[in-house]
């Protein structure tokens, strides 16, 4: 599977973000999977910014645009948005198939109430429902940003058949943050013997460093901090080989309930 991670910095203007997505995808060609960051529809903005007013339905302009682009590219696209409800919105990943259909959604389970920030005051935590989808010859488990710090979710995804994790993020910049990002992504790959494809927002507010790690935890490709794209090949054979050599999943004695 050929995957391209599209690292962008979103704006508070949804129309400008849609234009940015279109411009960025002009250079993408022949990919099985394209991953855009968390909150690509509309940035989080300052803590007082009303995300409920900015949220869109699943048939709104952002998802419709992604549908058009997925159909044009013949690729599966994963991207983050704020999904409208009758109360606080969800922090949602949408998955658009190569025919433009909305294949599935993943609503963020773990909200970022950490490092002095309270995402739960602005967004709604989803029910615990791990999402795994087949794309090409790999099964992909979905996580969003802060979910990365909770290894029990990654184990639930592996138990549901995941061979790769797809992690859109808006990983806030700061002391230790890039080190945490790289370390956690590699740890989730190593302990679960899976590929990890993580697309983060770039720019001054976020950490960037979108990357793909293989099932051994080796970083195959990594972006820097700006708007850029990185591409890698993820194979199911690498997963099978790593699990033959390192059968840690099979050797578990403490199973997920």
Protein backbone atom coordinates (compact mmCIF):
# COMPACT_ATOMS: atom_id res chain seq x y z
CA UNK A 1 0.00 0.00 0.00
CA UNK A 2 1.31 3.41 -0.98
CA UNK A 3 0.47 6.09 1.61
CA UNK A 4 0.97 9.84 1.45
CA UNK A 5 0.81 11.98 4.60
CA UNK A 6 -0.19 15.57 3.85
CA UNK A 7 1.12 17.89 6.57
CA UNK A 8 -0.71 21.23 6.64
CA UNK A 9 -1.55 24.02 9.07
CA UNK A 10 -5.31 24.63 9.16
CA UNK A 11 -6.95 28.04 9.51
CA UNK A 12 -10.12 29.26 11.26
CA UNK A 13 -11.63 29.86 7.80
CA UNK A 14 -13.20 26.59 6.53
CA UNK A 15 -13.31 27.84 2.93
CA UNK A 16 -9.59 28.66 3.03
CA UNK A 17 -8.90 25.20 4.45
CA UNK A 18 -10.83 23.55 1.64
CA UNK A 19 -8.79 25.51 -0.91
CA UNK A 20 -5.59 24.49 0.89
CA UNK A 21 -6.60 20.83 0.73
CA UNK A 22 -7.36 21.04 -2.99
CA UNK A 23 -4.07 22.80 -3.72
CA UNK A 24 -2.10 20.28 -1.64
CA UNK A 25 -3.70 17.27 -3.31
CA UNK A 26 -2.87 18.49 -6.83
CA UNK A 27 0.55 16.85 -6.54
CA UNK A 28 -0.75 13.56 -5.14
CA UNK A 29 -1.01 10.77 -7.68
CA UNK A 30 -1.46 7.02 -7.56
CA UNK A 31 -1.71 6.65 -3.79
CA UNK A 32 -3.82 3.99 -2.14
CA UNK A 33 -4.18 6.07 1.04
CA UNK A 34 -3.94 9.81 1.70
CA UNK A 35 -3.94 11.04 5.30
CA UNK A 36 -4.65 14.63 6.32
CA UNK A 37 -4.31 15.98 9.88
CA UNK A 38 -6.78 16.28 12.71
CA UNK A 39 -8.96 19.43 12.62
CA UNK A 40 -8.22 19.99 8.94
CA UNK A 41 -11.72 21.34 8.36
CA UNK A 42 -11.22 24.11 10.93
CA UNK A 43 -8.39 24.69 13.39
CA UNK A 44 -9.00 24.53 17.14
CA UNK A 45 -8.25 28.23 17.54
CA UNK A 46 -7.94 29.88 20.97
CA UNK A 47 -9.63 28.23 23.98
CA UNK A 48 -12.58 30.63 23.86
CA UNK A 49 -13.31 29.94 20.18
CA UNK A 50 -16.74 28.32 19.65
CA UNK A 51 -16.16 25.03 17.85
CA UNK A 52 -19.86 24.16 17.97
CA UNK A 53 -20.59 27.12 15.69
CA UNK A 54 -17.86 25.97 13.28
CA UNK A 55 -18.85 22.28 13.20
CA UNK A 56 -20.32 20.74 10.05
CA UNK A 57 -22.53 17.71 9.39
CA UNK A 58 -21.15 14.64 7.66
CA UNK A 59 -22.78 15.77 4.41
CA UNK A 60 -21.39 19.30 4.71
CA UNK A 61 -18.88 21.19 2.54
CA UNK A 62 -15.74 19.61 3.98
CA UNK A 63 -16.80 15.99 3.56
CA UNK A 64 -18.25 16.75 0.12
CA UNK A 65 -14.90 18.21 -0.93
CA UNK A 66 -13.03 15.15 0.35
CA UNK A 67 -15.47 12.94 -1.52
CA UNK A 68 -14.72 14.76 -4.77
CA UNK A 69 -10.97 14.55 -4.18
CA UNK A 70 -11.05 10.85 -3.26
CA UNK A 71 -12.98 10.09 -6.43
CA UNK A 72 -10.61 12.21 -8.54
CA UNK A 73 -7.53 10.52 -7.09
CA UNK A 74 -8.98 7.02 -6.85
CA UNK A 75 -7.61 6.98 -3.28
CA UNK A 76 -8.92 6.47 0.23
CA UNK A 77 -8.70 9.75 2.18
CA UNK A 78 -8.66 10.09 5.97
CA UNK A 79 -9.04 13.55 7.53
CA UNK A 80 -10.16 15.24 10.74
CA UNK A 81 -13.15 17.54 11.27
CA UNK A 82 -15.54 18.81 13.94
CA UNK A 83 -18.85 17.01 13.52
CA UNK A 84 -22.04 18.87 14.39
CA UNK A 85 -24.41 17.51 17.04
CA UNK A 86 -27.23 19.10 19.04
CA UNK A 87 -24.68 19.89 21.75
CA UNK A 88 -20.88 19.91 21.76
CA UNK A 89 -19.42 18.59 18.50
CA UNK A 90 -17.36 15.45 18.04
CA UNK A 91 -13.73 15.49 16.99
CA UNK A 92 -14.22 13.13 14.07
CA UNK A 93 -12.12 11.34 11.48
CA UNK A 94 -13.89 10.71 8.19
CA UNK A 95 -12.80 8.04 5.72
CA UNK A 96 -13.73 8.55 2.07
CA UNK A 97 -13.28 5.63 -0.28
CA UNK A 98 -11.91 5.83 -3.85
CA UNK A 99 -15.49 6.01 -5.17
CA UNK A 100 -16.13 9.06 -3.00
CA UNK A 101 -18.36 7.26 -0.53
CA UNK A 102 -18.15 7.93 3.21
CA UNK A 103 -16.82 4.56 4.35
CA UNK A 104 -16.75 5.15 8.10
CA UNK A 105 -16.12 7.66 10.86
CA UNK A 106 -14.08 7.52 14.05
CA UNK A 107 -15.02 9.88 16.85
CA UNK A 108 -12.16 10.71 19.20
CA UNK A 109 -12.36 8.80 22.48
CA UNK A 110 -9.68 10.55 24.56
CA UNK A 111 -10.02 14.32 24.71
CA UNK A 112 -6.92 16.42 25.32
CA UNK A 113 -7.35 17.49 28.95
CA UNK A 114 -3.62 17.81 29.50
CA UNK A 115 -0.69 20.24 29.40
CA UNK A 116 -2.99 22.98 30.74
CA UNK A 117 -5.62 22.54 28.01
CA UNK A 118 -9.19 21.18 28.30
CA UNK A 119 -10.54 19.86 25.02
CA UNK A 120 -13.54 18.42 26.89
CA UNK A 121 -14.89 21.94 27.50
CA UNK A 122 -15.29 22.42 23.74
CA UNK A 123 -15.82 18.93 22.32
CA UNK A 124 -17.69 15.77 23.14
CA UNK A 125 -15.94 12.49 23.97
CA UNK A 126 -17.15 9.56 21.91
CA UNK A 127 -18.31 6.21 23.19
CA UNK A 128 -15.56 3.60 23.29
CA UNK A 129 -15.83 2.07 19.83
CA UNK A 130 -12.53 1.14 18.15
CA UNK A 131 -12.69 1.39 14.36
CA UNK A 132 -10.78 -0.91 11.97
CA UNK A 133 -11.29 -0.78 8.20
CA UNK A 134 -9.78 -2.69 5.26
CA UNK A 135 -7.90 -0.61 2.71
CA UNK A 136 -6.06 -2.53 0.03
CA UNK A 137 -4.38 -5.54 1.64
CA UNK A 138 -4.06 -3.96 5.11
CA UNK A 139 -6.52 -3.47 7.94
CA UNK A 140 -6.23 0.04 9.37
CA UNK A 141 -7.01 1.05 12.95
CA UNK A 142 -7.95 4.70 13.51
CA UNK A 143 -6.69 6.95 16.29
CA UNK A 144 -6.64 10.72 16.76
CA UNK A 145 -3.76 12.62 18.36
CA UNK A 146 -4.10 12.29 22.18
CA UNK A 147 -5.41 8.72 21.73
CA UNK A 148 -1.78 7.86 21.06
CA UNK A 149 -0.99 8.15 24.78
CA UNK A 150 -3.39 5.31 25.66
CA UNK A 151 -1.90 1.94 24.67
CA UNK A 152 -5.08 0.09 25.63
CA UNK A 153 -6.79 1.60 22.57
CA UNK A 154 -4.03 0.37 20.28
CA UNK A 155 -4.37 -3.14 21.75
CA UNK A 156 -8.12 -3.04 21.16
CA UNK A 157 -7.47 -2.10 17.55
CA UNK A 158 -4.97 -4.95 17.10
CA UNK A 159 -7.42 -7.38 18.69
CA UNK A 160 -9.94 -6.17 16.09
CA UNK A 161 -7.46 -7.06 13.32
CA UNK A 162 -5.46 -3.87 12.72
CA UNK A 163 -2.16 -4.27 10.87
CA UNK A 164 -1.52 -0.52 10.67
CA UNK A 165 -2.55 2.52 12.70
CA UNK A 166 -3.56 5.76 11.00
CA UNK A 167 -3.13 8.74 13.32
CA UNK A 168 -4.22 12.22 12.20
CA UNK A 169 -3.13 14.77 14.79
CA UNK A 170 -2.73 18.40 15.78
CA UNK A 171 0.09 17.68 18.24
CA UNK A 172 0.60 20.97 20.06
CA UNK A 173 4.20 22.23 20.01
CA UNK A 174 6.14 22.66 23.23
CA UNK A 175 8.88 21.28 25.44
CA UNK A 176 9.33 17.51 25.03
CA UNK A 177 6.43 17.33 22.56
CA UNK A 178 8.26 16.17 19.40
CA UNK A 179 10.18 13.63 21.52
CA UNK A 180 6.89 12.33 22.94
CA UNK A 181 5.32 12.19 19.45
CA UNK A 182 8.14 10.16 17.92
CA UNK A 183 8.55 7.91 20.95
CA UNK A 184 4.86 7.09 21.29
CA UNK A 185 4.40 6.42 17.58
CA UNK A 186 7.39 4.09 17.55
CA UNK A 187 6.25 2.38 20.76
CA UNK A 188 2.78 1.71 19.35
CA UNK A 189 4.42 0.21 16.25
CA UNK A 190 6.88 -1.96 18.20
CA UNK A 191 4.54 -3.30 20.87
CA UNK A 192 1.79 -4.12 18.36
CA UNK A 193 4.00 -5.11 15.38
CA UNK A 194 2.07 -2.78 13.08
CA UNK A 195 2.75 0.05 10.67
CA UNK A 196 1.99 3.54 11.98
CA UNK A 197 1.14 6.38 9.60
CA UNK A 198 0.73 9.68 11.46
CA UNK A 199 -0.16 13.00 9.79
CA UNK A 200 0.17 16.05 12.02
CA UNK A 201 -0.55 19.70 11.53
CA UNK A 202 2.53 21.82 10.94
CA UNK A 203 3.15 25.52 11.44
CA UNK A 204 4.15 27.45 14.56
CA UNK A 205 1.43 26.09 16.84
CA UNK A 206 1.88 22.39 16.17
CA UNK A 207 4.76 19.93 16.11
CA UNK A 208 4.59 18.68 12.52
CA UNK A 209 6.94 15.72 12.02
CA UNK A 210 4.40 13.54 10.26
CA UNK A 211 5.94 10.11 9.88
CA UNK A 212 5.58 6.48 8.93
CA UNK A 213 7.09 3.81 11.19
CA UNK A 214 7.37 0.16 10.25
CA UNK A 215 6.41 -2.81 12.49
CA UNK A 216 9.92 -2.82 13.95
CA UNK A 217 9.54 0.81 15.04
CA UNK A 218 11.93 2.14 12.43
CA UNK A 219 10.98 5.56 11.07
CA UNK A 220 10.77 5.05 7.31
CA UNK A 221 10.04 8.68 6.41
CA UNK A 222 9.49 11.86 8.42
CA UNK A 223 8.50 15.44 7.63
CA UNK A 224 9.87 18.56 9.29
CA UNK A 225 7.66 21.37 10.57
CA UNK A 226 6.14 23.07 7.54
CA UNK A 227 3.58 22.27 4.87
CA UNK A 228 4.90 19.19 3.10
CA UNK A 229 4.12 15.64 2.03
CA UNK A 230 5.86 12.35 2.71
CA UNK A 231 5.18 9.03 1.04
CA UNK A 232 5.95 5.44 2.01
CA UNK A 233 5.08 1.89 1.06
CA UNK A 234 3.38 -0.19 3.77
CA UNK A 235 3.22 -3.96 3.18
CA UNK A 236 1.33 -6.72 4.91
CA UNK A 237 4.40 -8.96 4.47
CA UNK A 238 6.38 -6.73 6.85
CA UNK A 239 3.68 -7.19 9.48
CA UNK A 240 3.64 -10.96 9.06
CA UNK A 241 7.42 -11.20 9.17
CA UNK A 242 7.72 -9.06 12.29
CA UNK A 243 5.07 -11.14 14.04
CA UNK A 244 6.90 -14.36 13.16
CA UNK A 245 10.19 -13.08 14.56
CA UNK A 246 8.67 -11.17 17.48
CA UNK A 247 5.45 -12.99 18.46
CA UNK A 248 4.79 -10.73 21.45
CA UNK A 249 1.08 -10.49 20.68
CA UNK A 250 0.76 -14.26 20.69
CA UNK A 251 2.78 -14.47 23.91
CA UNK A 252 0.51 -12.18 25.89
CA UNK A 253 -0.81 -13.55 29.16
CA UNK A 254 -2.86 -10.49 30.16
CA UNK A 255 -5.55 -10.07 27.55
CA UNK A 256 -7.71 -7.01 26.91
CA UNK A 257 -11.11 -7.59 28.58
